[in-house]
Amino acid sequence: SDNFVKYALNDMEDPIGEKIEVETLD
């Protein structure tokens, strides 16, 4: 979401192709 880009990626201008890692609760 644009909300994720704004707050998690510091409002990155072009996040396409950006590698991200998220961690589940387990």
mmCIF file of all heavy atoms, coordinates in Angstrom:
data_MODEL
# 
_entry.id   MODEL 
# 
loop_
_atom_site.group_PDB 
_atom_site.id 
_atom_site.type_symbol 
_atom_site.label_atom_id 
_atom_site.label_alt_id 
_atom_site.label_comp_id 
_atom_site.label_asym_id 
_atom_site.label_entity_id 
_atom_site.label_seq_id 
_atom_site.pdbx_PDB_ins_code 
_atom_site.Cartn_x 
_atom_site.Cartn_y 
_atom_site.Cartn_z 
_atom_site.occupancy 
_atom_site.B_iso_or_equiv 
_atom_site.pdbx_formal_charge 
_atom_site.auth_seq_id 
_atom_site.auth_comp_id 
_atom_site.auth_asym_id 
_atom_site.auth_atom_id 
_atom_site.pdbx_PDB_model_num 
ATOM 1   N N   . SER A 1 1  ? 0.823  -1.213  0.000  1.00 0.00 ? 1  SER A N   1 
ATOM 2   C CA  . SER A 1 1  ? 0.000  0.000   0.000  1.00 0.00 ? 1  SER A CA  1 
ATOM 3   C C   . SER A 1 1  ? 0.857  1.263   0.000  1.00 0.00 ? 1  SER A C   1 
ATOM 4   O O   . SER A 1 1  ? 2.046  1.228   0.354  1.00 0.00 ? 1  SER A O   1 
ATOM 5   C CB  . SER A 1 1  ? -0.900 0.004   1.228  1.00 0.00 ? 1  SER A CB  1 
ATOM 6   O OG  . SER A 1 1  ? -0.134 0.188   2.409  1.00 0.00 ? 1  SER A OG  1 
ATOM 7   N N   . ASP A 1 2  ? 0.235  2.363   -0.389 1.00 0.00 ? 2  ASP A N   1 
ATOM 8   C CA  . ASP A 1 2  ? 0.924  3.655   -0.322 1.00 0.00 ? 2  ASP A CA  1 
ATOM 9   C C   . ASP A 1 2  ? 1.217  4.026   1.130  1.00 0.00 ? 2  ASP A C   1 
ATOM 10  O O   . ASP A 1 2  ? 2.189  4.722   1.420  1.00 0.00 ? 2  ASP A O   1 
ATOM 11  C CB  . ASP A 1 2  ? 0.096  4.740   -1.010 1.00 0.00 ? 2  ASP A CB  1 
ATOM 12  C CG  . ASP A 1 2  ? -1.329 4.860   -0.454 1.00 0.00 ? 2  ASP A CG  1 
ATOM 13  O OD1 . ASP A 1 2  ? -1.745 4.008   0.356  1.00 0.00 ? 2  ASP A OD1 1 
ATOM 14  O OD2 . ASP A 1 2  ? -2.045 5.808   -0.854 1.00 0.00 ? 2  ASP A OD2 1 
ATOM 15  N N   . ASN A 1 3  ? 0.375  3.535   2.046  1.00 0.00 ? 3  ASN A N   1 
ATOM 16  C CA  . ASN A 1 3  ? 0.606  3.775   3.471  1.00 0.00 ? 3  ASN A CA  1 
ATOM 17  C C   . ASN A 1 3  ? 1.899  3.085   3.924  1.00 0.00 ? 3  ASN A C   1 
ATOM 18  O O   . ASN A 1 3  ? 2.682  3.644   4.696  1.00 0.00 ? 3  ASN A O   1 
ATOM 19  C CB  . ASN A 1 3  ? -0.593 3.266   4.276  1.00 0.00 ? 3  ASN A CB  1 
ATOM 20  C CG  . ASN A 1 3  ? -0.419 3.407   5.773  1.00 0.00 ? 3  ASN A CG  1 
ATOM 21  O OD1 . ASN A 1 3  ? 0.145  2.529   6.417  1.00 0.00 ? 3  ASN A OD1 1 
ATOM 22  N ND2 . ASN A 1 3  ? -0.891 4.516   6.334  1.00 0.00 ? 3  ASN A ND2 1 
ATOM 23  N N   . PHE A 1 4  ? 2.132  1.876   3.426  1.00 0.00 ? 4  PHE A N   1 
ATOM 24  C CA  . PHE A 1 4  ? 3.353  1.137   3.752  1.00 0.00 ? 4  PHE A CA  1 
ATOM 25  C C   . PHE A 1 4  ? 4.580  1.884   3.220  1.00 0.00 ? 4  PHE A C   1 
ATOM 26  O O   . PHE A 1 4  ? 5.597  2.025   3.914  1.00 0.00 ? 4  PHE A O   1 
ATOM 27  C CB  . PHE A 1 4  ? 3.296  -0.271  3.163  1.00 0.00 ? 4  PHE A CB  1 
ATOM 28  C CG  . PHE A 1 4  ? 4.502  -1.118  3.447  1.00 0.00 ? 4  PHE A CG  1 
ATOM 29  C CD1 . PHE A 1 4  ? 4.589  -1.865  4.606  1.00 0.00 ? 4  PHE A CD1 1 
ATOM 30  C CD2 . PHE A 1 4  ? 5.558  -1.168  2.539  1.00 0.00 ? 4  PHE A CD2 1 
ATOM 31  C CE1 . PHE A 1 4  ? 5.718  -2.643  4.871  1.00 0.00 ? 4  PHE A CE1 1 
ATOM 32  C CE2 . PHE A 1 4  ? 6.677  -1.940  2.795  1.00 0.00 ? 4  PHE A CE2 1 
ATOM 33  C CZ  . PHE A 1 4  ? 6.761  -2.677  3.964  1.00 0.00 ? 4  PHE A CZ  1 
ATOM 34  N N   . VAL A 1 5  ? 4.483  2.364   1.982  1.00 0.00 ? 5  VAL A N   1 
ATOM 35  C CA  . VAL A 1 5  ? 5.599  3.094   1.373  1.00 0.00 ? 5  VAL A CA  1 
ATOM 36  C C   . VAL A 1 5  ? 5.892  4.370   2.158  1.00 0.00 ? 5  VAL A C   1 
ATOM 37  O O   . VAL A 1 5  ? 7.049  4.720   2.403  1.00 0.00 ? 5  VAL A O   1 
ATOM 38  C CB  . VAL A 1 5  ? 5.281  3.434   -0.097 1.00 0.00 ? 5  VAL A CB  1 
ATOM 39  C CG1 . VAL A 1 5  ? 6.349  4.353   -0.688 1.00 0.00 ? 5  VAL A CG1 1 
ATOM 40  C CG2 . VAL A 1 5  ? 5.169  2.161   -0.926 1.00 0.00 ? 5  VAL A CG2 1 
ATOM 41  N N   . LYS A 1 6  ? 4.839  5.044   2.595  1.00 0.00 ? 6  LYS A N   1 
ATOM 42  C CA  . LYS A 1 6  ? 5.003  6.321   3.301  1.00 0.00 ? 6  LYS A CA  1 
ATOM 43  C C   . LYS A 1 6  ? 5.693  6.151   4.644  1.00 0.00 ? 6  LYS A C   1 
ATOM 44  O O   . LYS A 1 6  ? 6.612  6.914   4.980  1.00 0.00 ? 6  LYS A O   1 
ATOM 45  C CB  . LYS A 1 6  ? 3.624  6.965   3.492  1.00 0.00 ? 6  LYS A CB  1 
ATOM 46  C CG  . LYS A 1 6  ? 3.669  8.314   4.195  1.00 0.00 ? 6  LYS A CG  1 
ATOM 47  C CD  . LYS A 1 6  ? 2.272  8.913   4.298  1.00 0.00 ? 6  LYS A CD  1 
ATOM 48  C CE  . LYS A 1 6  ? 2.307  10.267  5.007  1.00 0.00 ? 6  LYS A CE  1 
ATOM 49  N NZ  . LYS A 1 6  ? 0.950  10.865  5.105  1.00 0.00 ? 6  LYS A NZ  1 
ATOM 50  N N   . TYR A 1 7  ? 5.283  5.147   5.410  1.00 0.00 ? 7  TYR A N   1 
ATOM 51  C CA  . TYR A 1 7  ? 5.789  5.027   6.776  1.00 0.00 ? 7  TYR A CA  1 
ATOM 52  C C   . TYR A 1 7  ? 6.909  3.991   6.929  1.00 0.00 ? 7  TYR A C   1 
ATOM 53  O O   . TYR A 1 7  ? 7.816  4.179   7.736  1.00 0.00 ? 7  TYR A O   1 
ATOM 54  C CB  . TYR A 1 7  ? 4.639  4.699   7.732  1.00 0.00 ? 7  TYR A CB  1 
ATOM 55  C CG  . TYR A 1 7  ? 3.687  5.848   7.879  1.00 0.00 ? 7  TYR A CG  1 
ATOM 56  C CD1 . TYR A 1 7  ? 2.465  5.855   7.208  1.00 0.00 ? 7  TYR A CD1 1 
ATOM 57  C CD2 . TYR A 1 7  ? 4.004  6.957   8.664  1.00 0.00 ? 7  TYR A CD2 1 
ATOM 58  C CE1 . TYR A 1 7  ? 1.584  6.924   7.317  1.00 0.00 ? 7  TYR A CE1 1 
ATOM 59  C CE2 . TYR A 1 7  ? 3.133  8.027   8.784  1.00 0.00 ? 7  TYR A CE2 1 
ATOM 60  C CZ  . TYR A 1 7  ? 1.919  8.015   8.108  1.00 0.00 ? 7  TYR A CZ  1 
ATOM 61  O OH  . TYR A 1 7  ? 1.074  9.078   8.213  1.00 0.00 ? 7  TYR A OH  1 
ATOM 62  N N   . ALA A 1 8  ? 6.838  2.894   6.177  1.00 0.00 ? 8  ALA A N   1 
ATOM 63  C CA  . ALA A 1 8  ? 7.872  1.863   6.316  1.00 0.00 ? 8  ALA A CA  1 
ATOM 64  C C   . ALA A 1 8  ? 9.086  2.171   5.451  1.00 0.00 ? 8  ALA A C   1 
ATOM 65  O O   . ALA A 1 8  ? 10.224 1.884   5.842  1.00 0.00 ? 8  ALA A O   1 
ATOM 66  C CB  . ALA A 1 8  ? 7.304  0.497   5.946  1.00 0.00 ? 8  ALA A CB  1 
ATOM 67  N N   . LEU A 1 9  ? 8.863  2.754   4.274  1.00 0.00 ? 9  LEU A N   1 
ATOM 68  C CA  . LEU A 1 9  ? 9.964  3.023   3.345  1.00 0.00 ? 9  LEU A CA  1 
ATOM 69  C C   . LEU A 1 9  ? 10.295 4.507   3.268  1.00 0.00 ? 9  LEU A C   1 
ATOM 70  O O   . LEU A 1 9  ? 10.893 4.968   2.285  1.00 0.00 ? 9  LEU A O   1 
ATOM 71  C CB  . LEU A 1 9  ? 9.608  2.482   1.952  1.00 0.00 ? 9  LEU A CB  1 
ATOM 72  C CG  . LEU A 1 9  ? 9.277  0.984   1.872  1.00 0.00 ? 9  LEU A CG  1 
ATOM 73  C CD1 . LEU A 1 9  ? 8.979  0.578   0.442  1.00 0.00 ? 9  LEU A CD1 1 
ATOM 74  C CD2 . LEU A 1 9  ? 10.426 0.146   2.442  1.00 0.00 ? 9  LEU A CD2 1 
ATOM 75  N N   . ASN A 1 10 ? 9.851  5.250   4.286  1.00 0.00 ? 10 ASN A N   1 
ATOM 76  C CA  . ASN A 1 10 ? 10.184 6.674   4.381  1.00 0.00 ? 10 ASN A CA  1 
ATOM 77  C C   . ASN A 1 10 ? 9.745  7.451   3.135  1.00 0.00 ? 10 ASN A C   1 
ATOM 78  O O   . ASN A 1 10 ? 10.464 8.316   2.629  1.00 0.00 ? 10 ASN A O   1 
ATOM 79  C CB  . ASN A 1 10 ? 11.692 6.853   4.623  1.00 0.00 ? 10 ASN A CB  1 
ATOM 80  C CG  . ASN A 1 10 ? 12.029 8.234   5.152  1.00 0.00 ? 10 ASN A CG  1 
ATOM 81  O OD1 . ASN A 1 10 ? 11.193 8.896   5.774  1.00 0.00 ? 10 ASN A OD1 1 
ATOM 82  N ND2 . ASN A 1 10 ? 13.250 8.680   4.891  1.00 0.00 ? 10 ASN A ND2 1 
ATOM 83  N N   . ASP A 1 11 ? 8.548  7.111   2.651  1.00 0.00 ? 11 ASP A N   1 
ATOM 84  C CA  . ASP A 1 11 ? 7.955  7.800   1.483  1.00 0.00 ? 11 ASP A CA  1 
ATOM 85  C C   . ASP A 1 11 ? 8.885  7.769   0.268  1.00 0.00 ? 11 ASP A C   1 
ATOM 86  O O   . ASP A 1 11 ? 9.092  8.766   -0.431 1.00 0.00 ? 11 ASP A O   1 
ATOM 87  C CB  . ASP A 1 11 ? 7.605  9.246   1.846  1.00 0.00 ? 11 ASP A CB  1 
ATOM 88  C CG  . ASP A 1 11 ? 6.404  9.755   1.048  1.00 0.00 ? 11 ASP A CG  1 
ATOM 89  O OD1 . ASP A 1 11 ? 5.783  8.948   0.339  1.00 0.00 ? 11 ASP A OD1 1 
ATOM 90  O OD2 . ASP A 1 11 ? 6.101  10.957  1.131  1.00 0.00 ? 11 ASP A OD2 1 
ATOM 91  N N   . MET A 1 12 ? 9.426  6.585   -0.009 1.00 0.00 ? 12 MET A N   1 
ATOM 92  C CA  . MET A 1 12 ? 10.347 6.397   -1.130 1.00 0.00 ? 12 MET A CA  1 
ATOM 93  C C   . MET A 1 12 ? 9.679  6.796   -2.448 1.00 0.00 ? 12 MET A C   1 
ATOM 94  O O   . MET A 1 12 ? 8.532  6.439   -2.708 1.00 0.00 ? 12 MET A O   1 
ATOM 95  C CB  . MET A 1 12 ? 10.786 4.922   -1.183 1.00 0.00 ? 12 MET A CB  1 
ATOM 96  C CG  . MET A 1 12 ? 11.844 4.634   -2.225 1.00 0.00 ? 12 MET A CG  1 
ATOM 97  S SD  . MET A 1 12 ? 12.294 2.870   -2.223 1.00 0.00 ? 12 MET A SD  1 
ATOM 98  C CE  . MET A 1 12 ? 13.137 2.732   -0.653 1.00 0.00 ? 12 MET A CE  1 
ATOM 99  N N   . GLU A 1 13 ? 10.410 7.554   -3.252 1.00 0.00 ? 13 GLU A N   1 
ATOM 100 C CA  . GLU A 1 13 ? 9.825  8.087   -4.489 1.00 0.00 ? 13 GLU A CA  1 
ATOM 101 C C   . GLU A 1 13 ? 9.492  6.979   -5.482 1.00 0.00 ? 13 GLU A C   1 
ATOM 102 O O   . GLU A 1 13 ? 8.447  7.001   -6.124 1.00 0.00 ? 13 GLU A O   1 
ATOM 103 C CB  . GLU A 1 13 ? 10.797 9.086   -5.122 1.00 0.00 ? 13 GLU A CB  1 
ATOM 104 C CG  . GLU A 1 13 ? 10.215 9.806   -6.324 1.00 0.00 ? 13 GLU A CG  1 
ATOM 105 C CD  . GLU A 1 13 ? 11.145 10.882  -6.853 1.00 0.00 ? 13 GLU A CD  1 
ATOM 106 O OE1 . GLU A 1 13 ? 12.026 11.344  -6.108 1.00 0.00 ? 13 GLU A OE1 1 
ATOM 107 O OE2 . GLU A 1 13 ? 10.984 11.254  -8.023 1.00 0.00 ? 13 GLU A OE2 1 
ATOM 108 N N   . ASP A 1 14 ? 10.381 5.994   -5.634 1.00 0.00 ? 14 ASP A N   1 
ATOM 109 C CA  . ASP A 1 14 ? 10.144 4.894   -6.570 1.00 0.00 ? 14 ASP A CA  1 
ATOM 110 C C   . ASP A 1 14 ? 10.517 3.570   -5.897 1.00 0.00 ? 14 ASP A C   1 
ATOM 111 O O   . ASP A 1 14 ? 11.654 3.099   -6.003 1.00 0.00 ? 14 ASP A O   1 
ATOM 112 C CB  . ASP A 1 14 ? 10.949 5.090   -7.850 1.00 0.00 ? 14 ASP A CB  1 
ATOM 113 C CG  . ASP A 1 14 ? 10.647 4.003   -8.881 1.00 0.00 ? 14 ASP A CG  1 
ATOM 114 O OD1 . ASP A 1 14 ? 9.630  3.285   -8.706 1.00 0.00 ? 14 ASP A OD1 1 
ATOM 115 O OD2 . ASP A 1 14 ? 11.410 3.879   -9.858 1.00 0.00 ? 14 ASP A OD2 1 
ATOM 116 N N   . PRO A 1 15 ? 9.527  2.946   -5.208 1.00 0.00 ? 15 PRO A N   1 
ATOM 117 C CA  . PRO A 1 15 ? 9.837  1.700   -4.490 1.00 0.00 ? 15 PRO A CA  1 
ATOM 118 C C   . PRO A 1 15 ? 9.794  0.452   -5.365 1.00 0.00 ? 15 PRO A C   1 
ATOM 119 O O   . PRO A 1 15 ? 10.059 -0.649  -4.872 1.00 0.00 ? 15 PRO A O   1 
ATOM 120 C CB  . PRO A 1 15 ? 8.732  1.648   -3.437 1.00 0.00 ? 15 PRO A CB  1 
ATOM 121 C CG  . PRO A 1 15 ? 7.565  2.324   -4.096 1.00 0.00 ? 15 PRO A CG  1 
ATOM 122 C CD  . PRO A 1 15 ? 8.140  3.389   -4.985 1.00 0.00 ? 15 PRO A CD  1 
ATOM 123 N N   . ILE A 1 16 ? 9.439  0.587   -6.638 1.00 0.00 ? 16 ILE A N   1 
ATOM 124 C CA  . ILE A 1 16 ? 9.337  -0.590  -7.507 1.00 0.00 ? 16 ILE A CA  1 
ATOM 125 C C   . ILE A 1 16 ? 10.712 -1.255  -7.634 1.00 0.00 ? 16 ILE A C   1 
ATOM 126 O O   . ILE A 1 16 ? 11.705 -0.604  -7.982 1.00 0.00 ? 16 ILE A O   1 
ATOM 127 C CB  . ILE A 1 16 ? 8.800  -0.201  -8.908 1.00 0.00 ? 16 ILE A CB  1 
ATOM 128 C CG1 . ILE A 1 16 ? 7.444  0.513   -8.777 1.00 0.00 ? 16 ILE A CG1 1 
ATOM 129 C CG2 . ILE A 1 16 ? 8.668  -1.439  -9.783 1.00 0.00 ? 16 ILE A CG2 1 
ATOM 130 C CD1 . ILE A 1 16 ? 6.382  -0.296  -8.075 1.00 0.00 ? 16 ILE A CD1 1 
ATOM 131 N N   . GLY A 1 17 ? 10.746 -2.542  -7.350 1.00 0.00 ? 17 GLY A N   1 
ATOM 132 C CA  . GLY A 1 17 ? 11.998 -3.301  -7.386 1.00 0.00 ? 17 GLY A CA  1 
ATOM 133 C C   . GLY A 1 17 ? 12.700 -3.373  -6.051 1.00 0.00 ? 17 GLY A C   1 
ATOM 134 O O   . GLY A 1 17 ? 13.698 -4.092  -5.902 1.00 0.00 ? 17 GLY A O   1 
ATOM 135 N N   . GLU A 1 18 ? 12.172 -2.632  -5.056 1.00 0.00 ? 18 GLU A N   1 
ATOM 136 C CA  . GLU A 1 18 ? 12.783 -2.631  -3.729 1.00 0.00 ? 18 GLU A CA  1 
ATOM 137 C C   . GLU A 1 18 ? 12.566 -3.987  -3.044 1.00 0.00 ? 18 GLU A C   1 
ATOM 138 O O   . GLU A 1 18 ? 11.470 -4.532  -3.044 1.00 0.00 ? 18 GLU A O   1 
ATOM 139 C CB  . GLU A 1 18 ? 12.167 -1.517  -2.886 1.00 0.00 ? 18 GLU A CB  1 
ATOM 140 C CG  . GLU A 1 18 ? 12.778 -1.349  -1.520 1.00 0.00 ? 18 GLU A CG  1 
ATOM 141 C CD  . GLU A 1 18 ? 14.148 -0.711  -1.551 1.00 0.00 ? 18 GLU A CD  1 
ATOM 142 O OE1 . GLU A 1 18 ? 14.558 -0.175  -2.615 1.00 0.00 ? 18 GLU A OE1 1 
ATOM 143 O OE2 . GLU A 1 18 ? 14.823 -0.756  -0.503 1.00 0.00 ? 18 GLU A OE2 1 
ATOM 144 N N   . LYS A 1 19 ? 13.619 -4.495  -2.462 1.00 0.00 ? 19 LYS A N   1 
ATOM 145 C CA  . LYS A 1 19 ? 13.542 -5.763  -1.730 1.00 0.00 ? 19 LYS A CA  1 
ATOM 146 C C   . LYS A 1 19 ? 13.152 -5.474  -0.281 1.00 0.00 ? 19 LYS A C   1 
ATOM 147 O O   . LYS A 1 19 ? 13.753 -4.623  0.372  1.00 0.00 ? 19 LYS A O   1 
ATOM 148 C CB  . LYS A 1 19 ? 14.886 -6.472  -1.770 1.00 0.00 ? 19 LYS A CB  1 
ATOM 149 C CG  . LYS A 1 19 ? 14.931 -7.785  -0.992 1.00 0.00 ? 19 LYS A CG  1 
ATOM 150 C CD  . LYS A 1 19 ? 16.326 -8.385  -1.035 1.00 0.00 ? 19 LYS A CD  1 
ATOM 151 C CE  . LYS A 1 19 ? 16.415 -9.658  -0.207 1.00 0.00 ? 19 LYS A CE  1 
ATOM 152 N NZ  . LYS A 1 19 ? 17.770 -10.226 -0.209 1.00 0.00 ? 19 LYS A NZ  1 
ATOM 153 N N   . ILE A 1 20 ? 12.124 -6.178  0.195  1.00 0.00 ? 20 ILE A N   1 
ATOM 154 C CA  . ILE A 1 20 ? 11.713 -6.001  1.590  1.00 0.00 ? 20 ILE A CA  1 
ATOM 155 C C   . ILE A 1 20 ? 11.638 -7.363  2.274  1.00 0.00 ? 20 ILE A C   1 
ATOM 156 O O   . ILE A 1 20 ? 11.433 -8.393  1.619  1.00 0.00 ? 20 ILE A O   1 
ATOM 157 C CB  . ILE A 1 20 ? 10.346 -5.270  1.707  1.00 0.00 ? 20 ILE A CB  1 
ATOM 158 C CG1 . ILE A 1 20 ? 9.234  -6.094  1.051  1.00 0.00 ? 20 ILE A CG1 1 
ATOM 159 C CG2 . ILE A 1 20 ? 10.402 -3.871  1.143  1.00 0.00 ? 20 ILE A CG2 1 
ATOM 160 C CD1 . ILE A 1 20 ? 7.835  -5.535  1.303  1.00 0.00 ? 20 ILE A CD1 1 
ATOM 161 N N   . GLU A 1 21 ? 11.795 -7.329  3.582  1.00 0.00 ? 21 GLU A N   1 
ATOM 162 C CA  . GLU A 1 21 ? 11.669 -8.543  4.397  1.00 0.00 ? 21 GLU A CA  1 
ATOM 163 C C   . GLU A 1 21 ? 10.723 -8.253  5.552  1.00 0.00 ? 21 GLU A C   1 
ATOM 164 O O   . GLU A 1 21 ? 10.898 -7.263  6.269  1.00 0.00 ? 21 GLU A O   1 
ATOM 165 C CB  . GLU A 1 21 ? 13.026 -8.979  4.937  1.00 0.00 ? 21 GLU A CB  1 
ATOM 166 C CG  . GLU A 1 21 ? 13.984 -9.498  3.883  1.00 0.00 ? 21 GLU A CG  1 
ATOM 167 C CD  . GLU A 1 21 ? 15.291 -9.984  4.478  1.00 0.00 ? 21 GLU A CD  1 
ATOM 168 O OE1 . GLU A 1 21 ? 15.522 -9.730  5.690  1.00 0.00 ? 21 GLU A OE1 1 
ATOM 169 O OE2 . GLU A 1 21 ? 16.083 -10.618 3.758  1.00 0.00 ? 21 GLU A OE2 1 
ATOM 170 N N   . VAL A 1 22 ? 9.727  -9.113  5.703  1.00 0.00 ? 22 VAL A N   1 
ATOM 171 C CA  . VAL A 1 22 ? 8.814  -8.988  6.836  1.00 0.00 ? 22 VAL A CA  1 
ATOM 172 C C   . VAL A 1 22 ? 8.882  -10.277 7.640  1.00 0.00 ? 22 VAL A C   1 
ATOM 173 O O   . VAL A 1 22 ? 9.149  -11.354 7.095  1.00 0.00 ? 22 VAL A O   1 
ATOM 174 C CB  . VAL A 1 22 ? 7.357  -8.706  6.382  1.00 0.00 ? 22 VAL A CB  1 
ATOM 175 C CG1 . VAL A 1 22 ? 7.263  -7.368  5.673  1.00 0.00 ? 22 VAL A CG1 1 
ATOM 176 C CG2 . VAL A 1 22 ? 6.816  -9.829  5.513  1.00 0.00 ? 22 VAL A CG2 1 
ATOM 177 N N   . GLU A 1 23 ? 8.650  -10.145 8.920  1.00 0.00 ? 23 GLU A N   1 
ATOM 178 C CA  . GLU A 1 23 ? 8.791  -11.298 9.815  1.00 0.00 ? 23 GLU A CA  1 
ATOM 179 C C   . GLU A 1 23 ? 7.453  -11.604 10.481 1.00 0.00 ? 23 GLU A C   1 
ATOM 180 O O   . GLU A 1 23 ? 6.836  -10.740 11.099 1.00 0.00 ? 23 GLU A O   1 
ATOM 181 C CB  . GLU A 1 23 ? 9.837  -10.992 10.877 1.00 0.00 ? 23 GLU A CB  1 
ATOM 182 C CG  . GLU A 1 23 ? 10.171 -12.176 11.775 1.00 0.00 ? 23 GLU A CG  1 
ATOM 183 C CD  . GLU A 1 23 ? 11.274 -11.843 12.767 1.00 0.00 ? 23 GLU A CD  1 
ATOM 184 O OE1 . GLU A 1 23 ? 12.219 -11.111 12.382 1.00 0.00 ? 23 GLU A OE1 1 
ATOM 185 O OE2 . GLU A 1 23 ? 11.179 -12.310 13.920 1.00 0.00 ? 23 GLU A OE2 1 
ATOM 186 N N   . THR A 1 24 ? 6.995  -12.846 10.331 1.00 0.00 ? 24 THR A N   1 
ATOM 187 C CA  . THR A 1 24 ? 5.732  -13.255 10.945 1.00 0.00 ? 24 THR A CA  1 
ATOM 188 C C   . THR A 1 24 ? 5.918  -13.443 12.446 1.00 0.00 ? 24 THR A C   1 
ATOM 189 O O   . THR A 1 24 ? 7.042  -13.447 12.951 1.00 0.00 ? 24 THR A O   1 
ATOM 190 C CB  . THR A 1 24 ? 5.210  -14.567 10.320 1.00 0.00 ? 24 THR A CB  1 
ATOM 191 O OG1 . THR A 1 24 ? 6.148  -15.611 10.593 1.00 0.00 ? 24 THR A OG1 1 
ATOM 192 C CG2 . THR A 1 24 ? 5.021  -14.420 8.822  1.00 0.00 ? 24 THR A CG2 1 
ATOM 193 N N   . LEU A 1 25 ? 4.828  -13.631 13.150 1.00 0.00 ? 25 LEU A N   1 
ATOM 194 C CA  . LEU A 1 25 ? 4.879  -13.775 14.604 1.00 0.00 ? 25 LEU A CA  1 
ATOM 195 C C   . LEU A 1 25 ? 5.647  -15.014 15.035 1.00 0.00 ? 25 LEU A C   1 
ATOM 196 O O   . LEU A 1 25 ? 6.195  -15.066 16.140 1.00 0.00 ? 25 LEU A O   1 
ATOM 197 C CB  . LEU A 1 25 ? 3.455  -13.794 15.167 1.00 0.00 ? 25 LEU A CB  1 
ATOM 198 C CG  . LEU A 1 25 ? 2.628  -12.520 14.929 1.00 0.00 ? 25 LEU A CG  1 
ATOM 199 C CD1 . LEU A 1 25 ? 1.234  -12.671 15.517 1.00 0.00 ? 25 LEU A CD1 1 
ATOM 200 C CD2 . LEU A 1 25 ? 3.322  -11.302 15.536 1.00 0.00 ? 25 LEU A CD2 1 
ATOM 201 N N   . ASP A 1 26 ? 5.672  -16.049 14.151 1.00 0.00 ? 26 ASP A N   1 
ATOM 202 C CA  . ASP A 1 26 ? 6.407  -17.270 14.517 1.00 0.00 ? 26 ASP A CA  1 
ATOM 203 C C   . ASP A 1 26 ? 7.875  -17.219 14.058 1.00 0.00 ? 26 ASP A C   1 
ATOM 204 O O   . ASP A 1 26 ? 8.597  -18.214 14.132 1.00 0.00 ? 26 ASP A O   1 
ATOM 205 C CB  . ASP A 1 26 ? 5.712  -18.510 13.946 1.00 0.00 ? 26 ASP A CB  1 
ATOM 206 C CG  . ASP A 1 26 ? 5.662  -18.507 12.424 1.00 0.00 ? 26 ASP A CG  1 
ATOM 207 O OD1 . ASP A 1 26 ? 6.223  -17.569 11.800 1.00 0.00 ? 26 ASP A OD1 1 
ATOM 208 O OD2 . ASP A 1 26 ? 5.057  -19.428 11.852 1.00 0.00 ? 26 ASP A OD2 1 
# 
